[in-house]
Amino acid sequence: MLTINVGLLLAVVVFFRLRRRTEARSRVDEKFTAVIVLALGLVIAPTPVARGS
């Protein structure tokens, strides 16, 4: 059975999204990247919300 670490997956997505040139990003694209970064922060933060309990 294959398990995927959500934090690692989000980190990879953020890495590739931030590698793009700033001029090529739309406002919606920047907002979506910010939401992904916030989600990554919640996943890796040692809080009850991040632990899901």
PDB file of N, CA and C in Angstrom:
ATOM      1  N   MET A   1       0.836  -1.176   0.000  1.00  0.00           N
ATOM      2  CA  MET A   1       0.000   0.000   0.000  1.00  0.00           C
ATOM      3  C   MET A   1       0.883   1.242   0.000  1.00  0.00           C
ATOM      4  N   LEU A   2       0.564   2.173  -0.873  1.00  0.00           N
ATOM      5  CA  LEU A   2       1.339   3.407  -1.000  1.00  0.00           C
ATOM      6  C   LEU A   2       0.728   4.489  -0.125  1.00  0.00           C
ATOM      7  N   THR A   3       1.543   5.084   0.726  1.00  0.00           N
ATOM      8  CA  THR A   3       1.063   6.197   1.542  1.00  0.00           C
ATOM      9  C   THR A   3       1.778   7.462   1.096  1.00  0.00           C
ATOM     10  N   ILE A   4       1.049   8.552   1.112  1.00  0.00           N
ATOM     11  CA  ILE A   4       1.610   9.836   0.685  1.00  0.00           C
ATOM     12  C   ILE A   4       1.607  10.780   1.875  1.00  0.00           C
ATOM     13  N   ASN A   5       2.737  11.337   2.165  1.00  0.00           N
ATOM     14  CA  ASN A   5       2.853  12.332   3.217  1.00  0.00           C
ATOM     15  C   ASN A   5       2.336  13.657   2.655  1.00  0.00           C
ATOM     16  N   VAL A   6       1.251  14.173   3.215  1.00  0.00           N
ATOM     17  CA  VAL A   6       0.618  15.388   2.703  1.00  0.00           C
ATOM     18  C   VAL A   6       1.562  16.577   2.815  1.00  0.00           C
ATOM     19  N   GLY A   7       2.297  16.660   3.893  1.00  0.00           N
ATOM     20  CA  GLY A   7       3.246  17.763   4.061  1.00  0.00           C
ATOM     21  C   GLY A   7       4.319  17.757   2.977  1.00  0.00           C
ATOM     22  N   LEU A   8       4.837  16.594   2.673  1.00  0.00           N
ATOM     23  CA  LEU A   8       5.847  16.484   1.631  1.00  0.00           C
ATOM     24  C   LEU A   8       5.267  16.832   0.267  1.00  0.00           C
ATOM     25  N   LEU A   9       4.061  16.356   0.000  1.00  0.00           N
ATOM     26  CA  LEU A   9       3.406  16.659  -1.273  1.00  0.00           C
ATOM     27  C   LEU A   9       3.176  18.161  -1.425  1.00  0.00           C
ATOM     28  N   LEU A  10       2.685  18.815  -0.383  1.00  0.00           N
ATOM     29  CA  LEU A  10       2.473  20.264  -0.439  1.00  0.00           C
ATOM     30  C   LEU A  10       3.790  21.013  -0.599  1.00  0.00           C
ATOM     31  N   ALA A  11       4.849  20.551   0.062  1.00  0.00           N
ATOM     32  CA  ALA A  11       6.150  21.194  -0.063  1.00  0.00           C
ATOM     33  C   ALA A  11       6.667  21.117  -1.498  1.00  0.00           C
ATOM     34  N   VAL A  12       6.479  19.979  -2.136  1.00  0.00           N
ATOM     35  CA  VAL A  12       6.911  19.825  -3.528  1.00  0.00           C
ATOM     36  C   VAL A  12       6.102  20.745  -4.442  1.00  0.00           C
ATOM     37  N   VAL A  13       4.787  20.815  -4.217  1.00  0.00           N
ATOM     38  CA  VAL A  13       3.939  21.693  -5.022  1.00  0.00           C
ATOM     39  C   VAL A  13       4.363  23.148  -4.851  1.00  0.00           C
ATOM     40  N   VAL A  14       4.609  23.579  -3.610  1.00  0.00           N
ATOM     41  CA  VAL A  14       5.043  24.954  -3.352  1.00  0.00           C
ATOM     42  C   VAL A  14       6.386  25.218  -4.017  1.00  0.00           C
ATOM     43  N   PHE A  15       7.302  24.279  -3.924  1.00  0.00           N
ATOM     44  CA  PHE A  15       8.623  24.448  -4.525  1.00  0.00           C
ATOM     45  C   PHE A  15       8.516  24.705  -6.024  1.00  0.00           C
ATOM     46  N   PHE A  16       7.736  23.888  -6.717  1.00  0.00           N
ATOM     47  CA  PHE A  16       7.625  24.051  -8.157  1.00  0.00           C
ATOM     48  C   PHE A  16       6.842  25.303  -8.538  1.00  0.00           C
ATOM     49  N   ARG A  17       5.854  25.678  -7.721  1.00  0.00           N
ATOM     50  CA  ARG A  17       5.095  26.895  -8.029  1.00  0.00           C
ATOM     51  C   ARG A  17       5.956  28.136  -7.823  1.00  0.00           C
ATOM     52  N   LEU A  18       6.816  28.142  -6.825  1.00  0.00           N
ATOM     53  CA  LEU A  18       7.651  29.310  -6.557  1.00  0.00           C
ATOM     54  C   LEU A  18       8.851  29.409  -7.489  1.00  0.00           C
ATOM     55  N   ARG A  19       9.168  28.350  -8.198  1.00  0.00           N
ATOM     56  CA  ARG A  19      10.281  28.399  -9.154  1.00  0.00           C
ATOM     57  C   ARG A  19       9.929  29.209 -10.398  1.00  0.00           C
ATOM     58  N   ARG A  20       8.624  29.353 -10.674  1.00  0.00           N
ATOM     59  CA  ARG A  20       8.204  30.092 -11.863  1.00  0.00           C
ATOM     60  C   ARG A  20       8.547  31.571 -11.726  1.00  0.00           C
ATOM     61  N   ARG A  21       8.710  32.238 -12.850  1.00  0.00           N
ATOM     62  CA  ARG A  21       9.018  33.661 -12.836  1.00  0.00           C
ATOM     63  C   ARG A  21       7.826  34.447 -12.298  1.00  0.00           C
ATOM     64  N   THR A  22       8.107  35.513 -11.585  1.00  0.00           N
ATOM     65  CA  THR A  22       7.059  36.337 -10.984  1.00  0.00           C
ATOM     66  C   THR A  22       6.170  36.956 -12.051  1.00  0.00           C
ATOM     67  N   GLU A  23       6.741  37.345 -13.182  1.00  0.00           N
ATOM     68  CA  GLU A  23       5.964  38.000 -14.235  1.00  0.00           C
ATOM     69  C   GLU A  23       4.934  37.061 -14.850  1.00  0.00           C
ATOM     70  N   ALA A  24       5.161  35.755 -14.742  1.00  0.00           N
ATOM     71  CA  ALA A  24       4.273  34.785 -15.372  1.00  0.00           C
ATOM     72  C   ALA A  24       3.088  34.420 -14.480  1.00  0.00           C
ATOM     73  N   ARG A  25       3.008  34.986 -13.283  1.00  0.00           N
ATOM     74  CA  ARG A  25       1.948  34.625 -12.339  1.00  0.00           C
ATOM     75  C   ARG A  25       0.799  35.621 -12.395  1.00  0.00           C
ATOM     76  N   SER A  26      -0.399  35.108 -12.378  1.00  0.00           N
ATOM     77  CA  SER A  26      -1.573  35.977 -12.289  1.00  0.00           C
ATOM     78  C   SER A  26      -1.899  36.201 -10.819  1.00  0.00           C
ATOM     79  N   ARG A  27      -2.825  37.090 -10.561  1.00  0.00           N
ATOM     80  CA  ARG A  27      -3.228  37.369  -9.184  1.00  0.00           C
ATOM     81  C   ARG A  27      -3.880  36.140  -8.554  1.00  0.00           C
ATOM     82  N   VAL A  28      -4.694  35.430  -9.321  1.00  0.00           N
ATOM     83  CA  VAL A  28      -5.337  34.214  -8.815  1.00  0.00           C
ATOM     84  C   VAL A  28      -4.278  33.158  -8.507  1.00  0.00           C
ATOM     85  N   ASP A  29      -3.266  33.048  -9.370  1.00  0.00           N
ATOM     86  CA  ASP A  29      -2.183  32.089  -9.165  1.00  0.00           C
ATOM     87  C   ASP A  29      -1.429  32.399  -7.873  1.00  0.00           C
ATOM     88  N   GLU A  30      -1.179  33.676  -7.612  1.00  0.00           N
ATOM     89  CA  GLU A  30      -0.484  34.060  -6.387  1.00  0.00           C
ATOM     90  C   GLU A  30      -1.324  33.752  -5.151  1.00  0.00           C
ATOM     91  N   LYS A  31      -2.641  33.992  -5.223  1.00  0.00           N
ATOM     92  CA  LYS A  31      -3.517  33.689  -4.094  1.00  0.00           C
ATOM     93  C   LYS A  31      -3.562  32.185  -3.837  1.00  0.00           C
ATOM     94  N   PHE A  32      -3.625  31.398  -4.904  1.00  0.00           N
ATOM     95  CA  PHE A  32      -3.641  29.947  -4.755  1.00  0.00           C
ATOM     96  C   PHE A  32      -2.351  29.455  -4.110  1.00  0.00           C
ATOM     97  N   THR A  33      -1.218  30.028  -4.518  1.00  0.00           N
ATOM     98  CA  THR A  33       0.065  29.659  -3.906  1.00  0.00           C
ATOM     99  C   THR A  33       0.069  30.012  -2.424  1.00  0.00           C
ATOM    100  N   ALA A  34      -0.485  31.168  -2.068  1.00  0.00           N
ATOM    101  CA  ALA A  34      -0.542  31.569  -0.660  1.00  0.00           C
ATOM    102  C   ALA A  34      -1.398  30.597   0.147  1.00  0.00           C
ATOM    103  N   VAL A  35      -2.512  30.143  -0.420  1.00  0.00           N
ATOM    104  CA  VAL A  35      -3.373  29.178   0.275  1.00  0.00           C
ATOM    105  C   VAL A  35      -2.638  27.859   0.482  1.00  0.00           C
ATOM    106  N   ILE A  36      -1.892  27.413  -0.533  1.00  0.00           N
ATOM    107  CA  ILE A  36      -1.131  26.170  -0.412  1.00  0.00           C
ATOM    108  C   ILE A  36      -0.066  26.300   0.673  1.00  0.00           C
ATOM    109  N   VAL A  37       0.604  27.451   0.729  1.00  0.00           N
ATOM    110  CA  VAL A  37       1.637  27.667   1.748  1.00  0.00           C
ATOM    111  C   VAL A  37       1.009  27.668   3.143  1.00  0.00           C
ATOM    112  N   LEU A  38      -0.160  28.289   3.295  1.00  0.00           N
ATOM    113  CA  LEU A  38      -0.837  28.263   4.591  1.00  0.00           C
ATOM    114  C   LEU A  38      -1.241  26.847   4.987  1.00  0.00           C
ATOM    115  N   ALA A  39      -1.715  26.077   4.027  1.00  0.00           N
ATOM    116  CA  ALA A  39      -2.076  24.683   4.304  1.00  0.00           C
ATOM    117  C   ALA A  39      -0.842  23.890   4.723  1.00  0.00           C
ATOM    118  N   LEU A  40       0.273  24.130   4.051  1.00  0.00           N
ATOM    119  CA  LEU A  40       1.517  23.458   4.422  1.00  0.00           C
ATOM    120  C   LEU A  40       1.912  23.824   5.849  1.00  0.00           C
ATOM    121  N   GLY A  41       1.768  25.087   6.206  1.00  0.00           N
ATOM    122  CA  GLY A  41       2.075  25.521   7.564  1.00  0.00           C
ATOM    123  C   GLY A  41       1.213  24.826   8.600  1.00  0.00           C
ATOM    124  N   LEU A  42      -0.070  24.660   8.293  1.00  0.00           N
ATOM    125  CA  LEU A  42      -0.959  23.955   9.226  1.00  0.00           C
ATOM    126  C   LEU A  42      -0.601  22.486   9.350  1.00  0.00           C
ATOM    127  N   VAL A  43      -0.181  21.889   8.242  1.00  0.00           N
ATOM    128  CA  VAL A  43       0.143  20.457   8.269  1.00  0.00           C
ATOM    129  C   VAL A  43       1.400  20.192   9.085  1.00  0.00           C
ATOM    130  N   ILE A  44       2.397  21.069   8.962  1.00  0.00           N
ATOM    131  CA  ILE A  44       3.665  20.788   9.642  1.00  0.00           C
ATOM    132  C   ILE A  44       3.770  21.444  11.021  1.00  0.00           C
ATOM    133  N   ALA A  45       2.821  22.320  11.373  1.00  0.00           N
ATOM    134  CA  ALA A  45       2.868  22.984  12.678  1.00  0.00           C
ATOM    135  C   ALA A  45       2.453  22.019  13.787  1.00  0.00           C
ATOM    136  N   PRO A  46       3.130  22.074  14.923  1.00  0.00           N
ATOM    137  CA  PRO A  46       2.784  21.180  16.037  1.00  0.00           C
ATOM    138  C   PRO A  46       1.622  21.738  16.872  1.00  0.00           C
ATOM    139  N   THR A  47       0.452  21.831  16.250  1.00  0.00           N
ATOM    140  CA  THR A  47      -0.735  22.323  16.938  1.00  0.00           C
ATOM    141  C   THR A  47      -1.814  21.255  16.912  1.00  0.00           C
ATOM    142  N   PRO A  48      -2.812  21.364  17.782  1.00  0.00           N
ATOM    143  CA  PRO A  48      -3.921  20.395  17.744  1.00  0.00           C
ATOM    144  C   PRO A  48      -4.655  20.397  16.395  1.00  0.00           C
ATOM    145  N   VAL A  49      -4.748  21.562  15.746  1.00  0.00           N
ATOM    146  CA  VAL A  49      -5.391  21.647  14.437  1.00  0.00           C
ATOM    147  C   VAL A  49      -4.596  20.843  13.408  1.00  0.00           C
ATOM    148  N   ALA A  50      -3.287  20.970  13.454  1.00  0.00           N
ATOM    149  CA  ALA A  50      -2.438  20.256  12.493  1.00  0.00           C
ATOM    150  C   ALA A  50      -2.465  18.750  12.740  1.00  0.00           C
ATOM    151  N   ARG A  51      -2.605  18.339  13.997  1.00  0.00           N
ATOM    152  CA  ARG A  51      -2.654  16.917  14.311  1.00  0.00           C
ATOM    153  C   ARG A  51      -4.017  16.310  14.024  1.00  0.00           C
ATOM    154  N   GLY A  52      -5.010  17.163  13.806  1.00  0.00           N
ATOM    155  CA  GLY A  52      -6.340  16.670  13.504  1.00  0.00           C
ATOM    156  C   GLY A  52      -7.105  16.213  14.729  1.00  0.00           C
ATOM    157  N   SER A  53      -6.668  16.641  15.900  1.00  0.00           N
ATOM    158  CA  SER A  53      -7.371  16.229  17.127  1.00  0.00           C
ATOM    159  C   SER A  53      -7.915  17.414  17.886  1.00  0.00           C
TER     160      SER A  53
END
